[in-house]
Amino acid sequence: MVNRACLGGIVVGDGLPVAVSGVLNVSPESFYQGSVVTEEDRLRRAGEAMARAGAAFVEVGAMSTAPYLATRITEDQEADRLAWAVDLLARTLDRPVSADTSRSAPARAALDAGARIINDVTGLTGDPEIASLVARSEVGLILMASERHGIPRDDAALHVHDLLAQSLDLARTAGVDPSLIAVDPGIGFFRNQRIPWHAWDCAVLAALPRLRSLGHPVCVGVSRKSFIGAITGRDDPAERLPGSLAATAAAVMGGAQLIRAHDVPETVQAVRVAEAIRRASVEA
């Protein structure tokens, strides 16, 4: 089985170089202030710098989705922020722009502004209209596993696998082209399981190969996340770059085919080294 997907015209997956998606935020509430850009000229220059550094596409978020922060804003506010940022980046960059949203109104605004990928951190469970919107628009889709109501699980990888399978069923029912879908195990988004949340994230990363059976490329976002702070004692996300690169390398060794990152130059370098070692381990 060859797992590939076309995201905004960029093909990612088996047999191809691991792709890196640069992450920018226009939400002042975001957990990592180093990713926040709210001025037009700075946003343009930040996107251009990510493209020069090797980002396959650039993703923009307009509302923080960190599960431990109370940062929800209105749909209109998120839509306005996304439309402004996506329009600017889409006109500036020579590569696709992705929108990080799980609500249909902001997603529609982003698509109208030129977004070619939607990254839904709820895996299509947050808004019943977003799946059909993506299907009609024929754009790329990243489905992330997210914590839902139910009985906590001990087997992190199995739980994530099952949640992603449910999200894929929702996409299929809505008519989303499966060749346009990647999956994301949701590192940092599970807080109420039977094991500590940072141990959960490590267990999922260690078991990434188990997600291959879903039949889609695996996207992983570990950049600056709190599990790194819990392991290293670094409370400030600004101090978590070394841990982010270590976790990125581990994800690539485990089979990740797309990496989301705030720090594109450093991440691209870590990815290239890790995938070279991964190739050598297969050939040995």
C-alpha atoms as a PDB file:
ATOM      1  CA  MET A   1       0.000   0.000   0.000  1.00  0.00           C
ATOM      2  CA  VAL A   2       1.354   3.411  -1.048  1.00  0.00           C
ATOM      3  CA  ASN A   3       0.093   6.255   1.129  1.00  0.00           C
ATOM      4  CA  ARG A   4       0.021   9.542  -0.763  1.00  0.00           C
ATOM      5  CA  ALA A   5      -2.140  12.648  -0.868  1.00  0.00           C
ATOM      6  CA  CYS A   6      -2.300  15.815  -2.930  1.00  0.00           C
ATOM      7  CA  LEU A   7      -2.527  18.844  -0.649  1.00  0.00           C
ATOM      8  CA  GLY A   8      -3.039  22.065  -2.551  1.00  0.00           C
ATOM      9  CA  GLY A   9      -1.251  20.605  -5.553  1.00  0.00           C
ATOM     10  CA  ILE A  10       1.680  19.328  -3.459  1.00  0.00           C
ATOM     11  CA  VAL A  11       1.946  15.534  -3.380  1.00  0.00           C
ATOM     12  CA  VAL A  12       3.151  14.129  -0.057  1.00  0.00           C
ATOM     13  CA  GLY A  13       3.640  10.579   1.129  1.00  0.00           C
ATOM     14  CA  ASP A  14       5.522   7.370   0.488  1.00  0.00           C
ATOM     15  CA  GLY A  15       8.615   7.571  -1.681  1.00  0.00           C
ATOM     16  CA  LEU A  16       8.723  11.376  -1.576  1.00  0.00           C
ATOM     17  CA  PRO A  17      10.800  13.780   0.539  1.00  0.00           C
ATOM     18  CA  VAL A  18       9.185  14.608   3.874  1.00  0.00           C
ATOM     19  CA  ALA A  19       7.379  17.934   3.437  1.00  0.00           C
ATOM     20  CA  VAL A  20       7.433  20.783   5.943  1.00  0.00           C
ATOM     21  CA  SER A  21       4.507  23.151   6.475  1.00  0.00           C
ATOM     22  CA  GLY A  22       5.337  26.529   7.971  1.00  0.00           C
ATOM     23  CA  VAL A  23       2.927  27.692  10.679  1.00  0.00           C
ATOM     24  CA  LEU A  24       1.951  31.325  11.205  1.00  0.00           C
ATOM     25  CA  ASN A  25      -0.728  32.744  13.484  1.00  0.00           C
ATOM     26  CA  VAL A  26      -2.694  35.979  13.301  1.00  0.00           C
ATOM     27  CA  SER A  27      -4.259  35.227  16.682  1.00  0.00           C
ATOM     28  CA  PRO A  28      -2.603  37.188  19.519  1.00  0.00           C
ATOM     29  CA  GLU A  29      -3.929  34.500  21.902  1.00  0.00           C
ATOM     30  CA  SER A  30      -1.741  31.730  20.447  1.00  0.00           C
ATOM     31  CA  PHE A  31       0.382  29.768  22.896  1.00  0.00           C
ATOM     32  CA  TYR A  32       3.678  30.601  21.153  1.00  0.00           C
ATOM     33  CA  GLN A  33       4.049  34.325  20.692  1.00  0.00           C
ATOM     34  CA  GLY A  34       6.952  33.839  18.306  1.00  0.00           C
ATOM     35  CA  SER A  35       4.476  32.557  15.713  1.00  0.00           C
ATOM     36  CA  VAL A  36       2.134  35.543  15.938  1.00  0.00           C
ATOM     37  CA  VAL A  37       2.231  38.082  13.118  1.00  0.00           C
ATOM     38  CA  THR A  38      -0.522  40.687  12.876  1.00  0.00           C
ATOM     39  CA  GLU A  39       1.026  43.399  10.671  1.00  0.00           C
ATOM     40  CA  GLU A  40       0.732  43.148   6.884  1.00  0.00           C
ATOM     41  CA  ASP A  41       4.386  43.703   6.004  1.00  0.00           C
ATOM     42  CA  ARG A  42       5.648  41.339   8.700  1.00  0.00           C
ATOM     43  CA  LEU A  43       3.193  38.632   7.645  1.00  0.00           C
ATOM     44  CA  ARG A  44       4.289  38.929   4.037  1.00  0.00           C
ATOM     45  CA  ARG A  45       7.968  38.752   4.953  1.00  0.00           C
ATOM     46  CA  ALA A  46       7.411  35.827   7.348  1.00  0.00           C
ATOM     47  CA  GLY A  47       5.630  33.815   4.654  1.00  0.00           C
ATOM     48  CA  GLU A  48       8.320  34.592   2.088  1.00  0.00           C
ATOM     49  CA  ALA A  49      11.054  33.551   4.545  1.00  0.00           C
ATOM     50  CA  MET A  50       9.327  30.211   5.167  1.00  0.00           C
ATOM     51  CA  ALA A  51       9.024  29.596   1.435  1.00  0.00           C
ATOM     52  CA  ARG A  52      12.707  30.388   0.878  1.00  0.00           C
ATOM     53  CA  ALA A  53      13.635  28.030   3.720  1.00  0.00           C
ATOM     54  CA  GLY A  54      11.853  25.117   2.054  1.00  0.00           C
ATOM     55  CA  ALA A  55       8.252  25.115   3.309  1.00  0.00           C
ATOM     56  CA  ALA A  56       6.065  23.130   0.895  1.00  0.00           C
ATOM     57  CA  PHE A  57       3.152  25.316   1.949  1.00  0.00           C
ATOM     58  CA  VAL A  58       2.362  27.852   4.636  1.00  0.00           C
ATOM     59  CA  GLU A  59      -0.471  27.432   7.119  1.00  0.00           C
ATOM     60  CA  VAL A  60      -2.187  30.255   8.940  1.00  0.00           C
ATOM     61  CA  GLY A  61      -4.351  30.068  12.047  1.00  0.00           C
ATOM     62  CA  ALA A  62      -6.660  32.798  13.293  1.00  0.00           C
ATOM     63  CA  MET A  63      -7.833  31.297  16.595  1.00  0.00           C
ATOM     64  CA  SER A  64      -5.727  29.433  19.119  1.00  0.00           C
ATOM     65  CA  THR A  65      -6.700  25.769  19.384  1.00  0.00           C
ATOM     66  CA  ALA A  66      -4.525  24.906  22.388  1.00  0.00           C
ATOM     67  CA  PRO A  67      -6.826  22.746  24.567  1.00  0.00           C
ATOM     68  CA  TYR A  68      -5.531  24.199  27.812  1.00  0.00           C
ATOM     69  CA  LEU A  69      -6.241  27.868  26.897  1.00  0.00           C
ATOM     70  CA  ALA A  70      -9.555  29.720  26.956  1.00  0.00           C
ATOM     71  CA  THR A  71      -9.085  31.486  23.631  1.00  0.00           C
ATOM     72  CA  ARG A  72     -12.309  30.949  21.677  1.00  0.00           C
ATOM     73  CA  ILE A  73     -13.404  33.935  19.596  1.00  0.00           C
ATOM     74  CA  THR A  74     -16.515  34.502  17.469  1.00  0.00           C
ATOM     75  CA  GLU A  75     -16.780  32.892  14.035  1.00  0.00           C
ATOM     76  CA  ASP A  76     -16.997  36.320  12.413  1.00  0.00           C
ATOM     77  CA  GLN A  77     -13.780  37.435  14.069  1.00  0.00           C
ATOM     78  CA  GLU A  78     -11.973  34.246  13.064  1.00  0.00           C
ATOM     79  CA  ALA A  79     -13.322  34.526   9.509  1.00  0.00           C
ATOM     80  CA  ASP A  80     -12.168  38.135   9.176  1.00  0.00           C
ATOM     81  CA  ARG A  81      -8.696  37.332  10.454  1.00  0.00           C
ATOM     82  CA  LEU A  82      -8.344  34.276   8.214  1.00  0.00           C
ATOM     83  CA  ALA A  83      -9.629  35.998   5.086  1.00  0.00           C
ATOM     84  CA  TRP A  84      -7.173  38.876   5.531  1.00  0.00           C
ATOM     85  CA  ALA A  85      -4.160  36.654   6.179  1.00  0.00           C
ATOM     86  CA  VAL A  86      -4.921  34.013   3.542  1.00  0.00           C
ATOM     87  CA  ASP A  87      -5.558  36.640   0.865  1.00  0.00           C
ATOM     88  CA  LEU A  88      -2.241  38.337   1.620  1.00  0.00           C
ATOM     89  CA  LEU A  89      -0.237  35.106   1.663  1.00  0.00           C
ATOM     90  CA  ALA A  90      -1.961  33.631  -1.392  1.00  0.00           C
ATOM     91  CA  ARG A  91      -1.110  36.750  -3.408  1.00  0.00           C
ATOM     92  CA  THR A  92       2.447  36.822  -2.081  1.00  0.00           C
ATOM     93  CA  LEU A  93       3.642  33.217  -2.173  1.00  0.00           C
ATOM     94  CA  ASP A  94       4.335  30.822  -5.023  1.00  0.00           C
ATOM     95  CA  ARG A  95       3.006  27.880  -3.024  1.00  0.00           C
ATOM     96  CA  PRO A  96      -0.277  26.813  -1.437  1.00  0.00           C
ATOM     97  CA  VAL A  97      -1.732  28.390   1.673  1.00  0.00           C
ATOM     98  CA  SER A  98      -3.475  26.241   4.272  1.00  0.00           C
ATOM     99  CA  ALA A  99      -6.087  27.447   6.769  1.00  0.00           C
ATOM    100  CA  ASP A 100      -6.202  26.006  10.283  1.00  0.00           C
ATOM    101  CA  THR A 101      -9.879  26.083  11.270  1.00  0.00           C
ATOM    102  CA  SER A 102     -12.636  23.721  12.364  1.00  0.00           C
ATOM    103  CA  ARG A 103     -15.607  26.032  11.706  1.00  0.00           C
ATOM    104  CA  SER A 104     -17.378  26.301   8.379  1.00  0.00           C
ATOM    105  CA  ALA A 105     -17.790  30.090   8.212  1.00  0.00           C
ATOM    106  CA  PRO A 106     -14.065  30.811   8.705  1.00  0.00           C
ATOM    107  CA  ALA A 107     -13.219  27.915   6.382  1.00  0.00           C
ATOM    108  CA  ARG A 108     -15.472  29.369   3.673  1.00  0.00           C
ATOM    109  CA  ALA A 109     -13.865  32.795   4.110  1.00  0.00           C
ATOM    110  CA  ALA A 110     -10.400  31.251   3.848  1.00  0.00           C
ATOM    111  CA  LEU A 111     -11.300  29.287   0.720  1.00  0.00           C
ATOM    112  CA  ASP A 112     -12.801  32.381  -0.893  1.00  0.00           C
ATOM    113  CA  ALA A 113      -9.549  34.203  -0.108  1.00  0.00           C
ATOM    114  CA  GLY A 114      -7.440  31.534  -1.822  1.00  0.00           C
ATOM    115  CA  ALA A 115      -6.732  28.770   0.703  1.00  0.00           C
ATOM    116  CA  ARG A 116      -6.155  25.394  -0.940  1.00  0.00           C
ATOM    117  CA  ILE A 117      -5.953  23.220   2.189  1.00  0.00           C
ATOM    118  CA  ILE A 118      -8.103  23.035   5.332  1.00  0.00           C
ATOM    119  CA  ASN A 119      -6.586  21.673   8.537  1.00  0.00           C
ATOM    120  CA  ASP A 120      -9.391  20.684  10.923  1.00  0.00           C
ATOM    121  CA  VAL A 121      -8.138  19.953  14.434  1.00  0.00           C
ATOM    122  CA  THR A 122     -11.483  18.371  15.357  1.00  0.00           C
ATOM    123  CA  GLY A 123     -11.330  15.814  12.552  1.00  0.00           C
ATOM    124  CA  LEU A 124     -14.666  17.050  11.107  1.00  0.00           C
ATOM    125  CA  THR A 125     -16.482  16.595  14.434  1.00  0.00           C
ATOM    126  CA  GLY A 126     -16.632  20.266  15.437  1.00  0.00           C
ATOM    127  CA  ASP A 127     -18.896  21.573  12.676  1.00  0.00           C
ATOM    128  CA  PRO A 128     -21.105  19.243  10.611  1.00  0.00           C
ATOM    129  CA  GLU A 129     -20.983  21.590   7.595  1.00  0.00           C
ATOM    130  CA  ILE A 130     -17.231  21.728   7.090  1.00  0.00           C
ATOM    131  CA  ALA A 131     -16.933  18.265   5.510  1.00  0.00           C
ATOM    132  CA  SER A 132     -19.377  19.045   2.714  1.00  0.00           C
ATOM    133  CA  LEU A 133     -17.719  22.434   2.190  1.00  0.00           C
ATOM    134  CA  VAL A 134     -14.335  20.778   1.706  1.00  0.00           C
ATOM    135  CA  ALA A 135     -15.850  18.157  -0.585  1.00  0.00           C
ATOM    136  CA  ARG A 136     -17.498  20.764  -2.823  1.00  0.00           C
ATOM    137  CA  SER A 137     -14.343  22.877  -2.918  1.00  0.00           C
ATOM    138  CA  GLU A 138     -12.112  19.907  -3.835  1.00  0.00           C
ATOM    139  CA  VAL A 139      -9.265  21.179  -1.647  1.00  0.00           C
ATOM    140  CA  GLY A 140      -6.742  19.312   0.471  1.00  0.00           C
ATOM    141  CA  LEU A 141      -7.779  18.227   3.960  1.00  0.00           C
ATOM    142  CA  ILE A 142      -5.753  17.424   7.065  1.00  0.00           C
ATOM    143  CA  LEU A 143      -7.793  15.470   9.624  1.00  0.00           C
ATOM    144  CA  MET A 144      -6.521  15.615  13.174  1.00  0.00           C
ATOM    145  CA  ALA A 145      -7.467  13.261  15.983  1.00  0.00           C
ATOM    146  CA  SER A 146      -8.960  15.171  18.877  1.00  0.00           C
ATOM    147  CA  GLU A 147     -10.168  14.249  22.332  1.00  0.00           C
ATOM    148  CA  ARG A 148     -13.888  13.533  22.438  1.00  0.00           C
ATOM    149  CA  HIS A 149     -16.387  12.498  25.057  1.00  0.00           C
ATOM    150  CA  GLY A 150     -16.159   8.858  26.027  1.00  0.00           C
ATOM    151  CA  ILE A 151     -14.194   6.397  28.066  1.00  0.00           C
ATOM    152  CA  PRO A 152     -10.486   7.246  28.372  1.00  0.00           C
ATOM    153  CA  ARG A 153      -8.114   4.722  26.842  1.00  0.00           C
ATOM    154  CA  ASP A 154      -4.783   3.266  27.913  1.00  0.00           C
ATOM    155  CA  ASP A 155      -3.598   2.382  24.411  1.00  0.00           C
ATOM    156  CA  ALA A 156      -2.840   5.819  22.982  1.00  0.00           C
ATOM    157  CA  ALA A 157      -1.965   4.692  19.469  1.00  0.00           C
ATOM    158  CA  LEU A 158      -5.063   2.495  19.129  1.00  0.00           C
ATOM    159  CA  HIS A 159      -7.321   5.267  20.404  1.00  0.00           C
ATOM    160  CA  VAL A 160      -5.851   7.787  17.953  1.00  0.00           C
ATOM    161  CA  HIS A 161      -6.153   5.261  15.134  1.00  0.00           C
ATOM    162  CA  ASP A 162      -9.837   4.701  15.901  1.00  0.00           C
ATOM    163  CA  LEU A 163     -10.598   8.418  16.127  1.00  0.00           C
ATOM    164  CA  LEU A 164      -8.920   9.063  12.786  1.00  0.00           C
ATOM    165  CA  ALA A 165     -10.830   6.160  11.241  1.00  0.00           C
ATOM    166  CA  GLN A 166     -14.062   7.797  12.420  1.00  0.00           C
ATOM    167  CA  SER A 167     -13.012  11.124  10.885  1.00  0.00           C
ATOM    168  CA  LEU A 168     -12.157   9.409   7.617  1.00  0.00           C
ATOM    169  CA  ASP A 169     -15.635   7.884   7.611  1.00  0.00           C
ATOM    170  CA  LEU A 170     -17.135  11.363   8.009  1.00  0.00           C
ATOM    171  CA  ALA A 171     -15.034  12.637   5.104  1.00  0.00           C
ATOM    172  CA  ARG A 172     -16.026   9.678   2.940  1.00  0.00           C
ATOM    173  CA  THR A 173     -19.719  10.154   3.704  1.00  0.00           C
ATOM    174  CA  ALA A 174     -19.467  13.833   2.744  1.00  0.00           C
ATOM    175  CA  GLY A 175     -17.825  12.956  -0.548  1.00  0.00           C
ATOM    176  CA  VAL A 176     -14.303  14.211   0.139  1.00  0.00           C
ATOM    177  CA  ASP A 177     -11.845  12.755  -2.374  1.00  0.00           C
ATOM    178  CA  PRO A 178      -9.650  10.364  -0.317  1.00  0.00           C
ATOM    179  CA  SER A 179      -6.618  11.252  -2.444  1.00  0.00           C
ATOM    180  CA  LEU A 180      -6.747  14.757  -0.939  1.00  0.00           C
ATOM    181  CA  ILE A 181      -6.554  13.687   2.733  1.00  0.00           C
ATOM    182  CA  ALA A 182      -3.710  13.450   5.247  1.00  0.00           C
ATOM    183  CA  VAL A 183      -4.119  12.463   8.912  1.00  0.00           C
ATOM    184  CA  ASP A 184      -2.623  13.942  12.078  1.00  0.00           C
ATOM    185  CA  PRO A 185      -2.440  12.121  15.460  1.00  0.00           C
ATOM    186  CA  GLY A 186      -3.102  15.306  17.430  1.00  0.00           C
ATOM    187  CA  ILE A 187       0.023  15.691  19.528  1.00  0.00           C
ATOM    188  CA  GLY A 188      -0.766  18.014  22.439  1.00  0.00           C
ATOM    189  CA  PHE A 189      -4.540  17.678  22.207  1.00  0.00           C
ATOM    190  CA  PHE A 190      -5.197  14.791  24.629  1.00  0.00           C
ATOM    191  CA  ARG A 191      -5.441  15.881  28.234  1.00  0.00           C
ATOM    192  CA  ASN A 192      -7.991  13.597  29.909  1.00  0.00           C
ATOM    193  CA  GLN A 193      -6.740  10.055  29.421  1.00  0.00           C
ATOM    194  CA  ARG A 194      -5.653   7.461  31.962  1.00  0.00           C
ATOM    195  CA  ILE A 195      -1.981   8.263  31.505  1.00  0.00           C
ATOM    196  CA  PRO A 196      -0.323  11.699  31.837  1.00  0.00           C
ATOM    197  CA  TRP A 197      -0.773  13.838  28.729  1.00  0.00           C
ATOM    198  CA  HIS A 198       2.971  14.121  28.022  1.00  0.00           C
ATOM    199  CA  ALA A 199       3.356  10.337  28.275  1.00  0.00           C
ATOM    200  CA  TRP A 200       0.379  10.010  25.912  1.00  0.00           C
ATOM    201  CA  ASP A 201       2.113  12.169  23.300  1.00  0.00           C
ATOM    202  CA  CYS A 202       5.335  10.173  23.586  1.00  0.00           C
ATOM    203  CA  ALA A 203       3.413   6.896  23.219  1.00  0.00           C
ATOM    204  CA  VAL A 204       1.670   8.135  20.078  1.00  0.00           C
ATOM    205  CA  LEU A 205       4.929   9.300  18.512  1.00  0.00           C
ATOM    206  CA  ALA A 206       6.584   5.985  19.333  1.00  0.00           C
ATOM    207  CA  ALA A 207       3.768   4.097  17.587  1.00  0.00           C
ATOM    208  CA  LEU A 208       3.353   6.204  14.441  1.00  0.00           C
ATOM    209  CA  PRO A 209       3.878   3.201  12.116  1.00  0.00           C
ATOM    210  CA  ARG A 210       0.552   1.798  13.360  1.00  0.00           C
ATOM    211  CA  LEU A 211      -1.242   4.648  11.578  1.00  0.00           C
ATOM    212  CA  ARG A 212      -0.104   3.425   8.157  1.00  0.00           C
ATOM    213  CA  SER A 213      -3.064   1.065   7.981  1.00  0.00           C
ATOM    214  CA  LEU A 214      -5.352   4.101   7.625  1.00  0.00           C
ATOM    215  CA  GLY A 215      -4.038   4.486   4.076  1.00  0.00           C
ATOM    216  CA  HIS A 216      -3.154   8.191   4.219  1.00  0.00           C
ATOM    217  CA  PRO A 217       0.055  10.197   4.757  1.00  0.00           C
ATOM    218  CA  VAL A 218       0.736  11.134   8.363  1.00  0.00           C
ATOM    219  CA  CYS A 219       1.187  14.782   9.337  1.00  0.00           C
ATOM    220  CA  VAL A 220       2.777  15.535  12.715  1.00  0.00           C
ATOM    221  CA  GLY A 221       2.969  18.832  14.587  1.00  0.00           C
ATOM    222  CA  VAL A 222       5.217  18.884  17.647  1.00  0.00           C
ATOM    223  CA  SER A 223       6.648  22.384  17.374  1.00  0.00           C
ATOM    224  CA  ARG A 224       7.123  24.097  20.751  1.00  0.00           C
ATOM    225  CA  LYS A 225       4.342  22.009  22.326  1.00  0.00           C
ATOM    226  CA  SER A 226       3.762  21.593  26.029  1.00  0.00           C
ATOM    227  CA  PHE A 227       4.755  17.911  26.236  1.00  0.00           C
ATOM    228  CA  ILE A 228       8.279  19.065  25.386  1.00  0.00           C
ATOM    229  CA  GLY A 229       8.111  21.540  28.248  1.00  0.00           C
ATOM    230  CA  ALA A 230       6.869  18.846  30.624  1.00  0.00           C
ATOM    231  CA  ILE A 231       9.758  16.555  29.708  1.00  0.00           C
ATOM    232  CA  THR A 232      12.501  19.196  29.755  1.00  0.00           C
ATOM    233  CA  GLY A 233      11.240  21.557  32.427  1.00  0.00           C
ATOM    234  CA  ARG A 234      10.924  24.423  29.939  1.00  0.00           C
ATOM    235  CA  ASP A 235       7.715  26.286  30.664  1.00  0.00           C
ATOM    236  CA  ASP A 236       8.348  28.969  28.056  1.00  0.00           C
ATOM    237  CA  PRO A 237       7.599  27.774  24.491  1.00  0.00           C
ATOM    238  CA  ALA A 238      10.376  30.068  23.268  1.00  0.00           C
ATOM    239  CA  GLU A 239      12.887  27.715  24.961  1.00  0.00           C
ATOM    240  CA  ARG A 240      11.628  24.498  23.318  1.00  0.00           C
ATOM    241  CA  LEU A 241      13.299  24.543  19.900  1.00  0.00           C
ATOM    242  CA  PRO A 242      15.877  21.810  20.666  1.00  0.00           C
ATOM    243  CA  GLY A 243      13.155  19.521  22.009  1.00  0.00           C
ATOM    244  CA  SER A 244      10.968  20.306  18.995  1.00  0.00           C
ATOM    245  CA  LEU A 245      13.724  19.248  16.621  1.00  0.00           C
ATOM    246  CA  ALA A 246      14.342  16.038  18.576  1.00  0.00           C
ATOM    247  CA  ALA A 247      10.641  15.171  18.479  1.00  0.00           C
ATOM    248  CA  THR A 248      10.509  16.038  14.773  1.00  0.00           C
ATOM    249  CA  ALA A 249      13.393  13.679  14.040  1.00  0.00           C
ATOM    250  CA  ALA A 250      11.647  10.928  16.012  1.00  0.00           C
ATOM    251  CA  ALA A 251       8.438  11.520  14.055  1.00  0.00           C
ATOM    252  CA  VAL A 252      10.259  11.264  10.731  1.00  0.00           C
ATOM    253  CA  MET A 253      11.989   8.078  11.845  1.00  0.00           C
ATOM    254  CA  GLY A 254       8.521   6.747  12.714  1.00  0.00           C
ATOM    255  CA  GLY A 255       7.203   7.419   9.238  1.00  0.00           C
ATOM    256  CA  ALA A 256       5.751  10.948   9.341  1.00  0.00           C
ATOM    257  CA  GLN A 257       5.507  12.374   5.823  1.00  0.00           C
ATOM    258  CA  LEU A 258       4.507  15.954   6.635  1.00  0.00           C
ATOM    259  CA  ILE A 259       5.779  18.080   9.518  1.00  0.00           C
ATOM    260  CA  ARG A 260       4.108  21.284  10.758  1.00  0.00           C
ATOM    261  CA  ALA A 261       6.592  23.715  12.282  1.00  0.00           C
ATOM    262  CA  HIS A 262       7.050  27.272  13.444  1.00  0.00           C
ATOM    263  CA  ASP A 263      10.801  27.196  12.760  1.00  0.00           C
ATOM    264  CA  VAL A 264      11.115  26.180   9.120  1.00  0.00           C
ATOM    265  CA  PRO A 265      14.899  26.468   8.442  1.00  0.00           C
ATOM    266  CA  GLU A 266      15.861  24.455  11.511  1.00  0.00           C
ATOM    267  CA  THR A 267      13.075  21.933  10.986  1.00  0.00           C
ATOM    268  CA  VAL A 268      13.916  21.343   7.323  1.00  0.00           C
ATOM    269  CA  GLN A 269      17.506  20.569   8.324  1.00  0.00           C
ATOM    270  CA  ALA A 270      16.411  18.153  11.057  1.00  0.00           C
ATOM    271  CA  VAL A 271      13.951  16.474   8.678  1.00  0.00           C
ATOM    272  CA  ARG A 272      16.554  15.947   5.945  1.00  0.00           C
ATOM    273  CA  VAL A 273      18.995  14.310   8.360  1.00  0.00           C
ATOM    274  CA  ALA A 274      16.303  12.098   9.922  1.00  0.00           C
ATOM    275  CA  GLU A 275      14.950  10.941   6.571  1.00  0.00           C
ATOM    276  CA  ALA A 276      18.476  10.139   5.355  1.00  0.00           C
ATOM    277  CA  ILE A 277      18.927   7.904   8.397  1.00  0.00           C
ATOM    278  CA  ARG A 278      15.479   6.402   7.804  1.00  0.00           C
ATOM    279  CA  ARG A 279      16.418   5.542   4.228  1.00  0.00           C
ATOM    280  CA  ALA A 280      19.675   3.988   5.354  1.00  0.00           C
ATOM    281  CA  SER A 281      17.879   1.850   7.937  1.00  0.00           C
ATOM    282  CA  VAL A 282      15.549   0.488   5.229  1.00  0.00           C
ATOM    283  CA  GLU A 283      18.446  -0.243   2.871  1.00  0.00           C
ATOM    284  CA  ALA A 284      20.633  -1.875   5.551  1.00  0.00           C
END
